[in-house]
Protein backbone atom coordinates (compact mmCIF):
# COMPACT_ATOMS: atom_id res chain seq x y z
CA MET A 1 -17.52 0.19 -16.03
CA ALA A 2 -16.41 2.21 -13.02
CA LYS A 3 -13.13 4.05 -13.29
CA VAL A 4 -10.49 5.05 -10.78
CA ASP A 5 -9.97 8.81 -10.65
CA PHE A 6 -6.55 10.40 -10.77
CA GLN A 7 -5.05 13.88 -10.95
CA ILE A 8 -1.89 15.08 -12.67
CA LEU A 9 0.37 17.03 -10.32
CA GLU A 10 3.55 18.98 -10.99
CA ASN A 11 6.79 18.38 -9.14
CA ASN A 12 8.76 21.60 -8.74
CA LYS A 13 10.68 20.62 -5.61
CA MET A 14 12.79 17.67 -6.73
CA LYS A 15 14.93 17.56 -9.83
CA PRO A 16 14.40 16.77 -12.58
CA HIS A 17 11.16 18.72 -13.00
CA SER A 18 8.28 16.37 -13.73
CA PHE A 19 4.56 15.71 -13.77
CA TYR A 20 3.07 12.63 -12.14
CA GLY A 21 -0.26 10.95 -11.58
CA LYS A 22 -1.87 10.63 -8.16
CA THR A 23 -4.95 8.54 -7.53
CA VAL A 24 -7.99 10.12 -5.89
CA ASN A 25 -9.53 7.56 -3.59
CA LYS A 26 -13.15 7.39 -2.64
CA SER A 27 -14.06 7.18 1.03
CA THR A 28 -12.49 4.36 3.07
CA LEU A 29 -14.70 1.32 3.60
CA THR A 30 -15.14 -0.09 7.10
CA PHE A 31 -14.96 -3.78 7.95
CA ASP A 32 -18.76 -3.86 8.28
CA ASP A 33 -19.09 -2.21 4.85
CA MET A 34 -16.91 -4.90 3.30
CA VAL A 35 -18.82 -7.70 4.98
CA GLU A 36 -22.09 -6.34 3.60
CA LYS A 37 -20.64 -6.01 0.10
CA ALA A 38 -19.07 -9.47 0.21
CA CYS A 39 -22.44 -10.99 1.09
CA GLU A 40 -24.30 -9.29 -1.76
CA GLY A 41 -25.78 -11.82 -4.18
CA THR A 42 -25.10 -14.74 -1.83
CA SER A 43 -27.06 -16.61 0.81
CA ILE A 44 -24.35 -15.94 3.41
CA GLU A 45 -25.52 -13.90 6.37
CA PRO A 46 -23.27 -10.93 7.26
CA GLU A 47 -22.92 -12.22 10.83
CA ILE A 48 -21.55 -15.54 9.53
CA MET A 49 -19.14 -13.79 7.17
CA GLN A 50 -17.98 -11.42 9.90
CA GLY A 51 -17.41 -14.25 12.35
CA ALA A 52 -15.42 -16.29 9.82
CA VAL A 53 -13.20 -13.36 8.78
CA SER A 54 -12.61 -12.33 12.40
CA ARG A 55 -11.58 -15.88 13.27
CA TYR A 56 -9.25 -15.96 10.25
CA MET A 57 -7.59 -12.70 11.26
CA ARG A 58 -7.07 -13.88 14.84
CA LYS A 59 -5.24 -16.89 13.45
CA VAL A 60 -3.22 -14.63 11.13
CA LYS A 61 -1.99 -12.64 14.14
CA GLU A 62 -1.16 -15.82 16.04
CA LEU A 63 0.90 -17.20 13.15
CA LEU A 64 2.67 -13.88 12.57
CA LEU A 65 3.79 -13.94 16.19
CA MET A 66 5.25 -17.39 15.48
CA GLY A 67 7.25 -16.05 12.53
CA TYR A 68 5.15 -17.29 9.58
CA ARG A 69 4.40 -15.50 6.33
CA VAL A 70 0.62 -15.66 6.06
CA PRO A 71 -1.66 -15.29 3.02
CA LEU A 72 -4.68 -12.99 3.01
CA GLY A 73 -6.70 -14.52 0.23
CA LYS A 74 -5.43 -16.64 -2.65
CA ASN A 75 -2.93 -14.87 -4.93
CA PHE A 76 -3.60 -11.57 -3.17
CA LEU A 77 -1.63 -10.45 -0.11
CA PHE A 78 1.01 -11.96 2.12
CA VAL A 79 1.77 -10.47 5.52
CA TYR A 80 4.92 -11.22 7.43
CA PRO A 81 6.81 -10.05 10.52
CA CYS A 82 9.68 -7.57 10.24
CA ILE A 83 12.14 -6.24 12.77
CA ASP A 84 13.09 -2.56 12.98
CA LEU A 85 16.55 -2.59 14.50
CA SER A 86 19.71 -0.70 13.58
CA VAL A 87 22.60 1.28 15.06
CA LYS A 88 24.72 3.82 13.24
CA ASP A 89 28.14 5.36 13.63
CA GLN A 90 28.13 8.72 15.37
CA VAL A 91 29.34 11.43 12.99
CA ASP A 92 29.98 15.15 13.23
CA LYS A 93 28.45 17.81 11.02
CA ASP A 94 31.09 17.17 8.38
CA GLY A 95 30.38 13.47 8.27
CA ASN A 96 33.50 12.42 10.15
CA VAL A 97 33.05 9.37 12.36
CA ILE A 98 33.19 10.24 16.04
CA LYS A 99 32.35 6.79 17.31
CA ALA A 100 32.17 3.63 15.23
CA VAL A 101 29.61 1.09 16.33
CA THR A 102 30.18 -2.66 16.49
CA ILE A 103 27.85 -5.63 16.52
CA ASP A 104 28.04 -5.58 20.31
CA ASP A 105 26.25 -2.21 20.26
CA VAL A 106 23.15 -3.80 18.75
CA ASN A 107 20.55 -4.24 21.48
CA ALA A 108 17.64 -6.52 20.61
CA GLN A 109 15.63 -4.99 23.44
CA ALA A 110 15.47 -1.78 21.40
CA ALA A 111 13.93 -3.56 18.41
CA LYS A 112 10.44 -2.69 17.22
CA GLY A 113 8.16 -5.22 15.61
CA ARG A 114 6.48 -4.40 12.32
CA VAL A 115 4.04 -6.20 10.08
CA ALA A 116 4.80 -5.85 6.38
CA ALA A 117 2.71 -6.98 3.41
CA SER A 118 3.37 -7.80 -0.20
CA VAL A 119 0.96 -7.87 -3.11
CA SER A 120 1.04 -10.95 -5.28
CA PRO A 121 2.43 -10.12 -8.74
CA VAL A 122 -0.36 -12.27 -10.20
CA PHE A 123 -2.97 -10.03 -8.59
CA SER A 124 -1.08 -6.86 -9.54
CA LYS A 125 -0.86 -7.86 -13.20
CA LYS A 126 -4.55 -8.77 -13.30
CA PHE A 127 -5.45 -5.43 -11.71
CA ASP A 128 -3.31 -3.59 -14.24
CA THR A 129 -5.11 -5.24 -17.16
CA GLU A 130 -8.58 -4.53 -15.76
CA VAL A 131 -8.36 -1.08 -14.18
CA GLN A 132 -9.63 1.93 -16.10
CA TRP A 133 -8.47 5.45 -15.26
CA ARG A 134 -10.28 8.77 -15.40
CA ARG A 135 -8.45 12.08 -15.08
CA VAL A 136 -10.13 14.66 -12.84
CA GLY A 137 -9.27 18.22 -11.92
CA LYS A 138 -8.77 19.71 -8.47
CA ASP A 139 -12.54 20.16 -8.23
CA GLY A 140 -13.06 16.42 -8.67
CA LYS A 141 -14.75 16.84 -12.06
CA PRO A 142 -13.59 14.88 -15.11
CA VAL A 143 -11.18 16.66 -17.40
CA VAL A 144 -12.81 16.81 -20.82
CA GLY A 145 -10.63 15.57 -23.67
CA GLY A 146 -6.99 14.65 -23.36
CA ASP A 147 -6.58 11.41 -21.44
CA ASN A 148 -10.33 10.88 -21.09
CA GLU A 149 -11.73 9.18 -24.15
CA GLU A 150 -15.17 10.72 -23.82
CA GLU A 151 -16.95 13.45 -21.95
CA GLU A 152 -18.57 12.25 -18.76
CA ASP A 153 -21.22 13.63 -16.48
CA ALA A 154 -19.51 15.34 -13.54
CA THR A 155 -22.27 14.09 -11.26
CA GLN A 156 -20.73 10.62 -11.49
CA VAL A 157 -17.73 11.79 -9.49
CA ASP A 158 -17.56 11.39 -5.73
CA PRO A 159 -14.96 13.98 -4.71
CA ALA A 160 -16.00 13.86 -1.06
CA GLY A 161 -13.68 11.03 -0.13
CA ASP A 162 -11.57 11.12 2.98
CA GLY A 163 -8.28 11.79 1.28
CA THR A 164 -6.12 10.99 -1.66
CA GLY A 165 -3.83 8.11 -2.12
CA GLY A 166 -1.63 6.72 -4.78
CA ASN A 167 1.64 7.80 -6.21
CA SER A 168 3.74 10.36 -4.44
CA GLY A 169 5.71 11.04 -7.55
CA ALA A 170 7.80 7.90 -7.41
CA GLN A 171 6.81 4.42 -8.34
CA GLY A 172 6.98 1.88 -5.57
CA ALA A 173 9.26 -0.99 -6.22
CA GLY A 174 10.49 -4.26 -6.14
CA SER A 175 10.13 -7.75 -5.04
CA GLU A 176 8.34 -8.70 -1.92
CA GLY A 177 10.22 -8.41 1.29
CA ASN A 178 12.75 -5.93 0.01
CA GLY A 179 11.03 -3.06 1.72
CA ALA A 180 13.37 -0.16 1.85
CA GLY A 181 11.56 2.03 -0.65
CA SER A 182 8.49 4.14 -0.36
CA GLY A 183 6.15 5.11 -3.11
CA SER A 184 3.10 4.17 -5.01
CA GLY A 185 0.48 4.43 -2.35
CA GLU A 186 1.13 0.99 -1.21
CA GLY A 187 3.13 2.31 1.69
CA SER A 188 6.66 1.53 2.67
CA GLY A 189 8.34 -1.71 3.43
CA SER A 190 10.48 -2.45 6.41
CA GLY A 191 13.76 -3.79 5.14
CA ASP A 192 13.20 -7.49 5.73
CA ASN A 193 14.15 -9.99 3.04
CA GLY A 194 11.13 -12.19 2.58
CA GLY A 195 11.71 -13.76 -0.86
CA GLY A 196 9.19 -15.75 -2.81
CA ASN A 197 5.82 -14.40 -3.77
CA GLY A 198 6.82 -10.83 -4.48
CA GLY A 199 5.03 -7.61 -5.15
CA ASN A 200 4.92 -4.13 -3.72
CA ASP A 201 5.81 -3.85 -0.07
CA LEU A 202 3.49 -2.34 2.48
CA GLU A 203 3.93 -1.84 6.13
CA GLY A 204 1.26 -1.92 8.79
């Protein structure tokens, strides 16, 4: 079974000193790549699949603009609209308030729209039980011994991906919609209380 590669990195900048895992992603798939893969082993033509998914996503955007929380797949992702809007007291370099803001200082015209996403906890738990990890070094080759149960052929590794993702040293958190934190490669949420079908917040 295929394994997801990860590296162990050392944190010397933030206290307490620690080591943490960071996933090493393979190259990013395009929409066309995914359509081709989704059609493998079926009688569905890629053009039909692409048309259906494109139509679905157009409807997702339409419903987001109406204020709905919208599923992407069953027990997978929910996307929902968020507002980025805040005003803060003006303070000096010592933290003393120079000017206190009031609710009348909040200008909705300055708001920015965001789309946030949450991963279903059902999907997350299933992923956690099925995923297998393989530790690799900076050269992308498997680390022999230690966390890896057996020696593996280094030619199986694809270190030429377009970047690394995963944990930035802190685990992402929380229930869906409560998107103040950043972390585990899932991105950062946008501070909107969604409730319900929780998971790790993302922001698009």
